[in-house]
Amino acid sequence: MPVTAAAPLADIVLEAVTECEVLAPEGAPQLITMASEAEVSDCFPMLLTEAPQLRIGASRGGTQGVASASANSLQSRVQFHARLFFLDPEGNERRLPDGVPVRGVVGRQRPQFCQTNLAQGAVGFAAFAGDLVLTHQVISLAFGDAEANVVLCELPGAPAKTQSWGPVPPPSDTTGTLPNRFFTLPRGATLAEMDCEVTGDDGRFDAPTGNFALAKDGRPASLGSRSAPVKIVLKPKWQFVRFEYFDRHYGVSDHGGENVAMPAVTLEGFAAIPTSDLDAPQTRSNWWIDPGSDGKVIQCLPWFKQKSATGAAAAKPDAQTQLRFALPADTFVQSESATVRKRITATVEQRKPAPSG
């Protein structure tokens, strides 16, 4: 049994697992030697605990520990691997795209975190500390704090489902048509705040807190692997709305006096009624579906955060949520025919009232 130094339970270090790193056998804690803060900083970037008695690190080139000038205690290393998915408005399970920033958060009292990006929808973290520390610790995941945290997907009718990550795409033409359907991921949202379905967790996931235990049977133990990561399916609550209007030109002659659906727009959703223009929306999306292929467009807005930071129920949307169009000034809907309607940015001439009579 490895000898460990006595330390507060919060003394733990976390880093992302890289593709080039040589790993210890799956499920087995890796023993490494403690190092001073200067030695660790010279070897690779990582987060260090505040307590100087536990400075630990390992070479990214392999499993050999970093020699310590100040301590000679052995430490354990456990890994956590997970792959993230989401459910789209039509119930399809999709992998979150590469590039999405994700934080691993470890610790209870003084959490440490490390941020990396998804690769093939997966993420891996390694935690370093003494056995006693790891036995009482947990790890969770959160979205990174990135402004351009946008998931881009294919347009309706595309032959294949695609997912990518990046900023909101610019309009592809003057009508405001976008080349992708997209939605934003909530910045910094944790598993405790989102509804999700977890499998392959060996019974170590606690849904109310969003935490995974770093120990099994009283000993530190890795969870998931690169070949068999824990599967996490995020289940946002999708809000479905249709915006209709009466087409004054074709409404009577072609639509029997009935309203018609407005072309898809970008919607913003606020968890509470905003008090100023500076309030940031909790969700943003232009996702739309046309189930009947008849132009009756339905807009879809995802609400990922369904609980408070402590896991208490805080379902959205509710009576306090508010939707807002995110459109350029002077945006109008133009009916080119009875079946073709487009958004346009109207000119001064187009905005003039039509002659009476």
Protein backbone atom coordinates (compact mmCIF):
# COMPACT_ATOMS: atom_id res chain seq x y z
CA MET A 1 0.00 0.00 0.00
CA PRO A 2 1.51 3.37 -0.95
CA VAL A 3 2.64 5.75 1.77
CA THR A 4 0.84 9.08 1.59
CA ALA A 5 1.32 12.37 3.36
CA ALA A 6 -1.45 13.60 5.64
CA ALA A 7 -3.24 16.55 4.06
CA PRO A 8 -6.62 18.29 3.94
CA LEU A 9 -9.12 16.63 1.62
CA ALA A 10 -9.03 19.59 -0.77
CA ASP A 11 -5.34 19.08 -1.61
CA ILE A 12 -5.64 17.65 -5.10
CA VAL A 13 -4.40 18.51 -8.56
CA LEU A 14 -6.24 18.03 -11.85
CA GLU A 15 -5.03 18.05 -15.44
CA ALA A 16 -6.37 17.13 -18.87
CA VAL A 17 -5.28 13.81 -20.33
CA THR A 18 -3.64 14.34 -23.72
CA GLU A 19 -3.54 11.95 -26.64
CA CYS A 20 0.27 11.70 -26.51
CA GLU A 21 0.39 10.67 -22.86
CA VAL A 22 1.39 7.11 -21.96
CA LEU A 23 -1.19 5.77 -19.55
CA ALA A 24 -0.99 3.36 -16.67
CA PRO A 25 -3.03 0.12 -16.96
CA GLU A 26 -6.74 0.81 -17.07
CA GLY A 27 -8.35 1.03 -13.65
CA ALA A 28 -5.06 1.01 -11.76
CA PRO A 29 -3.90 4.07 -9.80
CA GLN A 30 -0.54 5.35 -10.98
CA LEU A 31 2.06 6.17 -8.34
CA ILE A 32 4.01 9.37 -8.84
CA THR A 33 6.36 11.38 -6.69
CA MET A 34 5.55 14.76 -5.21
CA ALA A 35 7.46 17.73 -6.58
CA SER A 36 7.98 21.32 -5.63
CA GLU A 37 5.86 24.05 -7.23
CA ALA A 38 8.81 25.28 -9.31
CA GLU A 39 9.57 21.79 -10.60
CA VAL A 40 5.96 21.17 -11.58
CA SER A 41 5.65 24.54 -13.30
CA ASP A 42 8.79 23.82 -15.35
CA CYS A 43 7.45 20.47 -16.51
CA PHE A 44 3.96 21.31 -17.77
CA PRO A 45 1.10 23.75 -17.16
CA MET A 46 -1.40 22.53 -14.60
CA LEU A 47 -3.34 23.73 -11.58
CA LEU A 48 -1.58 23.63 -8.24
CA THR A 49 -3.18 23.41 -4.82
CA GLU A 50 -2.73 26.19 -2.35
CA ALA A 51 -1.11 23.89 0.23
CA PRO A 52 2.69 23.75 -0.36
CA GLN A 53 3.06 20.33 1.23
CA LEU A 54 1.31 18.67 -1.71
CA ARG A 55 2.86 19.72 -5.01
CA ILE A 56 2.64 16.88 -7.45
CA GLY A 57 3.13 16.30 -11.13
CA ALA A 58 4.00 13.79 -13.80
CA SER A 59 5.78 13.94 -17.12
CA ARG A 60 3.50 14.17 -20.14
CA GLY A 61 5.88 11.87 -21.98
CA GLY A 62 5.22 8.86 -19.79
CA THR A 63 4.47 7.46 -16.37
CA GLN A 64 7.69 8.38 -14.60
CA GLY A 65 7.19 10.80 -11.73
CA VAL A 66 8.94 14.12 -11.26
CA ALA A 67 11.77 13.96 -8.70
CA SER A 68 11.11 15.98 -5.58
CA ALA A 69 13.63 18.08 -3.70
CA SER A 70 11.31 18.60 -0.76
CA ALA A 71 9.32 15.42 -0.26
CA ASN A 72 9.47 11.71 -0.93
CA SER A 73 5.88 10.55 -0.49
CA LEU A 74 4.04 8.51 -3.09
CA GLN A 75 0.83 9.79 -4.59
CA SER A 76 -1.96 8.16 -6.58
CA ARG A 77 -3.38 9.13 -9.94
CA VAL A 78 -6.88 8.30 -11.17
CA GLN A 79 -8.41 9.09 -14.53
CA PHE A 80 -11.89 10.02 -15.63
CA HIS A 81 -13.02 9.65 -19.26
CA ALA A 82 -16.44 10.63 -20.61
CA ARG A 83 -18.13 11.21 -23.95
CA LEU A 84 -20.89 13.83 -24.20
CA PHE A 85 -24.04 13.76 -26.30
CA PHE A 86 -27.21 15.84 -26.55
CA LEU A 87 -30.79 15.23 -27.67
CA ASP A 88 -31.96 17.44 -30.53
CA PRO A 89 -35.56 18.70 -30.83
CA GLU A 90 -36.63 15.59 -32.74
CA GLY A 91 -35.22 13.22 -30.14
CA ASN A 92 -32.08 12.28 -32.05
CA GLU A 93 -29.03 11.54 -29.94
CA ARG A 94 -26.03 13.50 -31.26
CA ARG A 95 -22.44 13.70 -30.11
CA LEU A 96 -21.30 17.11 -28.95
CA PRO A 97 -18.82 18.40 -31.53
CA ASP A 98 -15.06 18.63 -31.26
CA GLY A 99 -13.76 21.90 -29.87
CA VAL A 100 -16.44 22.50 -27.24
CA PRO A 101 -14.58 23.69 -24.11
CA VAL A 102 -15.26 21.51 -21.06
CA ARG A 103 -14.01 21.88 -17.51
CA GLY A 104 -13.19 19.05 -15.17
CA VAL A 105 -13.98 20.15 -11.61
CA VAL A 106 -12.60 18.11 -8.73
CA GLY A 107 -12.88 18.65 -4.99
CA ARG A 108 -15.60 19.54 -2.55
CA GLN A 109 -14.44 22.39 -0.31
CA ARG A 110 -11.86 24.12 -2.53
CA PRO A 111 -12.55 22.82 -6.05
CA GLN A 112 -9.74 22.65 -8.59
CA PHE A 113 -10.58 22.83 -12.27
CA CYS A 114 -8.87 22.26 -15.59
CA GLN A 115 -10.30 23.16 -19.01
CA THR A 116 -9.80 21.33 -22.28
CA ASN A 117 -11.72 20.80 -25.53
CA LEU A 118 -13.77 17.85 -26.66
CA ALA A 119 -12.10 15.49 -29.15
CA GLN A 120 -14.40 12.97 -30.85
CA GLY A 121 -16.96 14.08 -28.30
CA ALA A 122 -14.79 12.84 -25.44
CA VAL A 123 -12.78 14.37 -22.63
CA GLY A 124 -10.31 12.94 -20.14
CA PHE A 125 -8.88 14.22 -16.86
CA ALA A 126 -6.34 12.88 -14.39
CA ALA A 127 -6.42 13.70 -10.67
CA PHE A 128 -3.34 13.45 -8.46
CA ALA A 129 -3.30 13.20 -4.66
CA GLY A 130 -2.85 10.84 -1.74
CA ASP A 131 -5.10 7.83 -1.36
CA LEU A 132 -6.94 9.36 1.59
CA VAL A 133 -7.60 12.52 -0.39
CA LEU A 134 -8.86 10.75 -3.53
CA THR A 135 -11.03 8.33 -1.55
CA HIS A 136 -13.15 11.24 -0.35
CA GLN A 137 -13.18 13.25 -3.57
CA VAL A 138 -15.47 13.65 -6.57
CA ILE A 139 -15.19 14.96 -10.11
CA SER A 140 -17.78 16.71 -12.26
CA LEU A 141 -17.96 18.46 -15.63
CA ALA A 142 -19.03 21.93 -16.72
CA PHE A 143 -19.08 23.84 -19.98
CA GLY A 144 -16.19 26.23 -20.42
CA ASP A 145 -16.49 29.98 -20.19
CA ALA A 146 -16.32 30.67 -23.93
CA GLU A 147 -18.31 33.39 -25.68
CA ALA A 148 -18.47 31.50 -28.97
CA ASN A 149 -19.93 28.34 -27.42
CA VAL A 150 -22.18 27.50 -30.37
CA VAL A 151 -23.17 24.11 -31.80
CA LEU A 152 -23.73 24.23 -35.58
CA CYS A 153 -25.81 21.57 -37.31
CA GLU A 154 -27.12 20.82 -40.77
CA LEU A 155 -30.14 22.48 -42.39
CA PRO A 156 -33.45 20.60 -42.65
CA GLY A 157 -33.43 18.11 -45.49
CA ALA A 158 -29.65 17.66 -45.52
CA PRO A 159 -28.59 14.10 -46.39
CA ALA A 160 -26.55 13.61 -43.21
CA LYS A 161 -26.52 14.92 -39.65
CA THR A 162 -23.49 17.06 -38.90
CA GLN A 163 -22.22 18.83 -35.80
CA SER A 164 -19.47 21.40 -35.45
CA TRP A 165 -18.46 24.07 -32.95
CA GLY A 166 -17.73 27.74 -33.40
CA PRO A 167 -19.16 31.25 -33.52
CA VAL A 168 -22.59 32.08 -34.88
CA PRO A 169 -22.32 31.90 -38.69
CA PRO A 170 -22.83 35.10 -40.68
CA PRO A 171 -25.87 35.38 -42.97
CA SER A 172 -25.24 33.67 -46.28
CA ASP A 173 -27.33 36.16 -48.25
CA THR A 174 -29.26 39.39 -47.85
CA THR A 175 -32.40 37.57 -46.75
CA GLY A 176 -30.73 36.64 -43.48
CA THR A 177 -30.64 32.92 -44.30
CA LEU A 178 -28.00 31.09 -42.26
CA PRO A 179 -25.99 28.13 -43.58
CA ASN A 180 -26.58 26.17 -40.35
CA ARG A 181 -29.07 25.59 -37.63
CA PHE A 182 -27.42 26.48 -34.35
CA PHE A 183 -27.87 26.89 -30.61
CA THR A 184 -25.65 28.15 -27.81
CA LEU A 185 -24.42 26.13 -24.85
CA PRO A 186 -24.81 27.85 -21.47
CA ARG A 187 -21.48 29.27 -20.33
CA GLY A 188 -20.17 27.56 -17.21
CA ALA A 189 -23.24 25.32 -16.76
CA THR A 190 -22.52 22.26 -14.60
CA LEU A 191 -23.91 18.73 -14.66
CA ALA A 192 -25.70 19.56 -11.41
CA GLU A 193 -27.71 22.21 -13.28
CA MET A 194 -28.64 20.08 -16.30
CA ASP A 195 -30.80 17.02 -16.86
CA CYS A 196 -28.74 14.16 -18.20
CA GLU A 197 -28.70 10.39 -18.60
CA VAL A 198 -25.48 8.68 -17.54
CA THR A 199 -24.41 5.12 -18.38
CA GLY A 200 -21.19 3.20 -17.91
CA ASP A 201 -20.53 5.01 -14.60
CA ASP A 202 -20.18 1.86 -12.45
CA GLY A 203 -22.85 3.27 -10.13
CA ARG A 204 -20.62 6.19 -9.12
CA PHE A 205 -22.68 9.09 -10.52
CA ASP A 206 -24.78 11.13 -8.10
CA ALA A 207 -27.48 12.88 -10.16
CA PRO A 208 -28.54 15.54 -7.59
CA THR A 209 -24.97 16.89 -7.31
CA GLY A 210 -23.71 15.96 -10.79
CA ASN A 211 -20.63 14.36 -9.22
CA PHE A 212 -18.73 11.13 -9.93
CA ALA A 213 -16.92 9.41 -7.06
CA LEU A 214 -13.16 8.99 -7.53
CA ALA A 215 -13.08 5.87 -5.40
CA LYS A 216 -14.61 2.40 -5.37
CA ASP A 217 -14.75 0.02 -2.43
CA GLY A 218 -12.82 2.52 -0.34
CA ARG A 219 -9.86 2.86 -2.70
CA PRO A 220 -9.03 5.38 -5.45
CA ALA A 221 -10.20 4.06 -8.81
CA SER A 222 -10.32 5.41 -12.35
CA LEU A 223 -13.67 5.71 -14.07
CA GLY A 224 -14.11 5.13 -17.79
CA SER A 225 -11.32 4.78 -20.33
CA ARG A 226 -10.49 6.07 -23.79
CA SER A 227 -11.95 2.93 -25.35
CA ALA A 228 -14.99 2.81 -23.03
CA PRO A 229 -15.74 6.30 -21.65
CA VAL A 230 -18.66 7.12 -19.40
CA LYS A 231 -21.60 8.15 -21.61
CA ILE A 232 -23.36 11.40 -20.70
CA VAL A 233 -26.45 12.41 -22.70
CA LEU A 234 -27.57 15.99 -22.02
CA LYS A 235 -31.34 16.40 -22.24
CA PRO A 236 -32.27 20.06 -22.67
CA LYS A 237 -35.92 21.00 -22.46
CA TRP A 238 -36.78 22.16 -25.97
CA GLN A 239 -39.38 24.90 -26.29
CA PHE A 240 -41.41 24.77 -29.51
CA VAL A 241 -43.05 27.91 -30.87
CA ARG A 242 -44.58 28.99 -34.18
CA PHE A 243 -44.90 32.63 -35.16
CA GLU A 244 -47.74 33.39 -37.56
CA TYR A 245 -49.07 36.44 -39.34
CA PHE A 246 -51.76 37.29 -41.87
CA ASP A 247 -50.37 37.73 -45.37
CA ARG A 248 -52.26 40.77 -46.72
CA HIS A 249 -51.34 39.96 -50.32
CA TYR A 250 -51.98 36.21 -50.51
CA GLY A 251 -53.96 35.59 -47.32
CA VAL A 252 -57.42 35.62 -48.86
CA SER A 253 -56.69 34.38 -52.37
CA ASP A 254 -54.36 31.51 -51.47
CA HIS A 255 -54.63 30.79 -47.74
CA GLY A 256 -58.36 30.97 -47.16
CA GLY A 257 -58.02 33.85 -44.74
CA GLU A 258 -55.77 31.77 -42.44
CA ASN A 259 -52.49 32.92 -40.93
CA VAL A 260 -49.17 31.66 -42.32
CA ALA A 261 -45.92 30.81 -40.52
CA MET A 262 -43.11 33.31 -40.37
CA PRO A 263 -39.69 32.27 -41.71
CA ALA A 264 -37.20 31.04 -39.13
CA VAL A 265 -35.44 33.69 -37.03
CA THR A 266 -32.86 33.71 -34.27
CA LEU A 267 -34.49 33.60 -30.84
CA GLU A 268 -33.05 34.50 -27.47
CA GLY A 269 -34.44 33.14 -24.23
CA PHE A 270 -34.13 34.83 -20.83
CA ALA A 271 -34.61 32.91 -17.59
CA ALA A 272 -36.22 36.01 -16.09
CA ILE A 273 -37.65 39.16 -17.58
CA PRO A 274 -34.59 41.26 -18.53
CA THR A 275 -34.21 44.61 -16.83
CA SER A 276 -31.81 46.14 -19.37
CA ASP A 277 -30.44 45.61 -22.86
CA LEU A 278 -27.20 44.39 -21.27
CA ASP A 279 -28.79 41.31 -19.73
CA ALA A 280 -27.41 38.20 -21.42
CA PRO A 281 -29.81 35.51 -22.67
CA GLN A 282 -29.54 32.04 -21.18
CA THR A 283 -30.20 30.40 -24.52
CA ARG A 284 -30.02 31.39 -28.20
CA SER A 285 -31.05 29.42 -31.26
CA ASN A 286 -32.31 29.61 -34.82
CA TRP A 287 -33.11 25.87 -34.92
CA TRP A 288 -36.26 25.12 -36.82
CA ILE A 289 -38.15 22.12 -38.14
CA ASP A 290 -40.81 21.75 -40.81
CA PRO A 291 -42.48 18.46 -39.89
CA GLY A 292 -45.06 18.54 -42.68
CA SER A 293 -42.73 20.01 -45.33
CA ASP A 294 -45.49 22.57 -45.84
CA GLY A 295 -43.78 25.74 -44.68
CA LYS A 296 -45.36 25.61 -41.23
CA VAL A 297 -42.05 26.26 -39.52
CA ILE A 298 -41.63 25.48 -35.82
CA GLN A 299 -38.84 27.22 -33.90
CA CYS A 300 -36.93 25.24 -31.27
CA LEU A 301 -35.14 26.78 -28.29
CA PRO A 302 -33.13 24.61 -25.84
CA TRP A 303 -33.13 25.25 -22.10
CA PHE A 304 -30.20 23.26 -20.73
CA LYS A 305 -30.23 24.58 -17.18
CA GLN A 306 -33.12 22.97 -15.33
CA LYS A 307 -31.74 23.12 -11.78
CA SER A 308 -29.93 25.55 -9.50
CA ALA A 309 -26.21 25.27 -8.81
CA THR A 310 -27.05 23.12 -5.79
CA GLY A 311 -29.27 20.76 -7.78
CA ALA A 312 -32.62 22.18 -6.64
CA ALA A 313 -35.39 22.11 -9.24
CA ALA A 314 -35.56 25.31 -11.33
CA ALA A 315 -37.31 24.17 -14.50
CA LYS A 316 -37.36 26.45 -17.53
CA PRO A 317 -39.23 27.75 -19.43
CA ASP A 318 -41.79 29.03 -16.96
CA ALA A 319 -43.99 32.09 -16.39
CA GLN A 320 -40.92 34.28 -15.83
CA THR A 321 -39.03 33.39 -19.01
CA GLN A 322 -39.12 35.71 -21.98
CA LEU A 323 -38.30 35.30 -25.65
CA ARG A 324 -36.80 37.95 -27.88
CA PHE A 325 -36.06 38.17 -31.58
CA ALA A 326 -32.38 38.70 -32.42
CA LEU A 327 -32.70 40.49 -35.75
CA PRO A 328 -31.08 43.43 -37.53
CA ALA A 329 -32.97 46.70 -37.62
CA ASP A 330 -35.57 47.10 -40.37
CA THR A 331 -36.14 43.36 -40.77
CA PHE A 332 -39.32 42.55 -42.67
CA VAL A 333 -40.97 39.45 -44.11
CA GLN A 334 -41.45 39.63 -47.87
CA SER A 335 -43.90 37.36 -49.69
CA GLU A 336 -42.39 36.56 -53.09
CA SER A 337 -45.27 34.22 -53.83
CA ALA A 338 -48.05 32.41 -52.03
CA THR A 339 -45.54 29.80 -50.83
CA VAL A 340 -42.18 31.64 -50.68
CA ARG A 341 -41.58 34.03 -47.80
CA LYS A 342 -38.22 35.54 -46.91
CA ARG A 343 -36.75 37.89 -44.36
CA ILE A 344 -35.30 41.06 -45.80
CA THR A 345 -33.64 44.21 -44.54
CA ALA A 346 -35.98 46.76 -46.02
CA THR A 347 -34.73 49.83 -47.83
CA VAL A 348 -36.12 53.31 -47.22
CA GLU A 349 -38.18 52.97 -50.39
CA GLN A 350 -39.64 49.62 -49.32
CA ARG A 351 -40.64 51.02 -45.94
CA LYS A 352 -42.81 53.74 -47.47
CA PRO A 353 -46.56 53.15 -46.97
CA ALA A 354 -48.38 51.76 -49.98
CA PRO A 355 -50.65 54.24 -51.82
CA SER A 356 -54.20 54.23 -50.48
CA GLY A 357 -57.06 53.30 -52.73
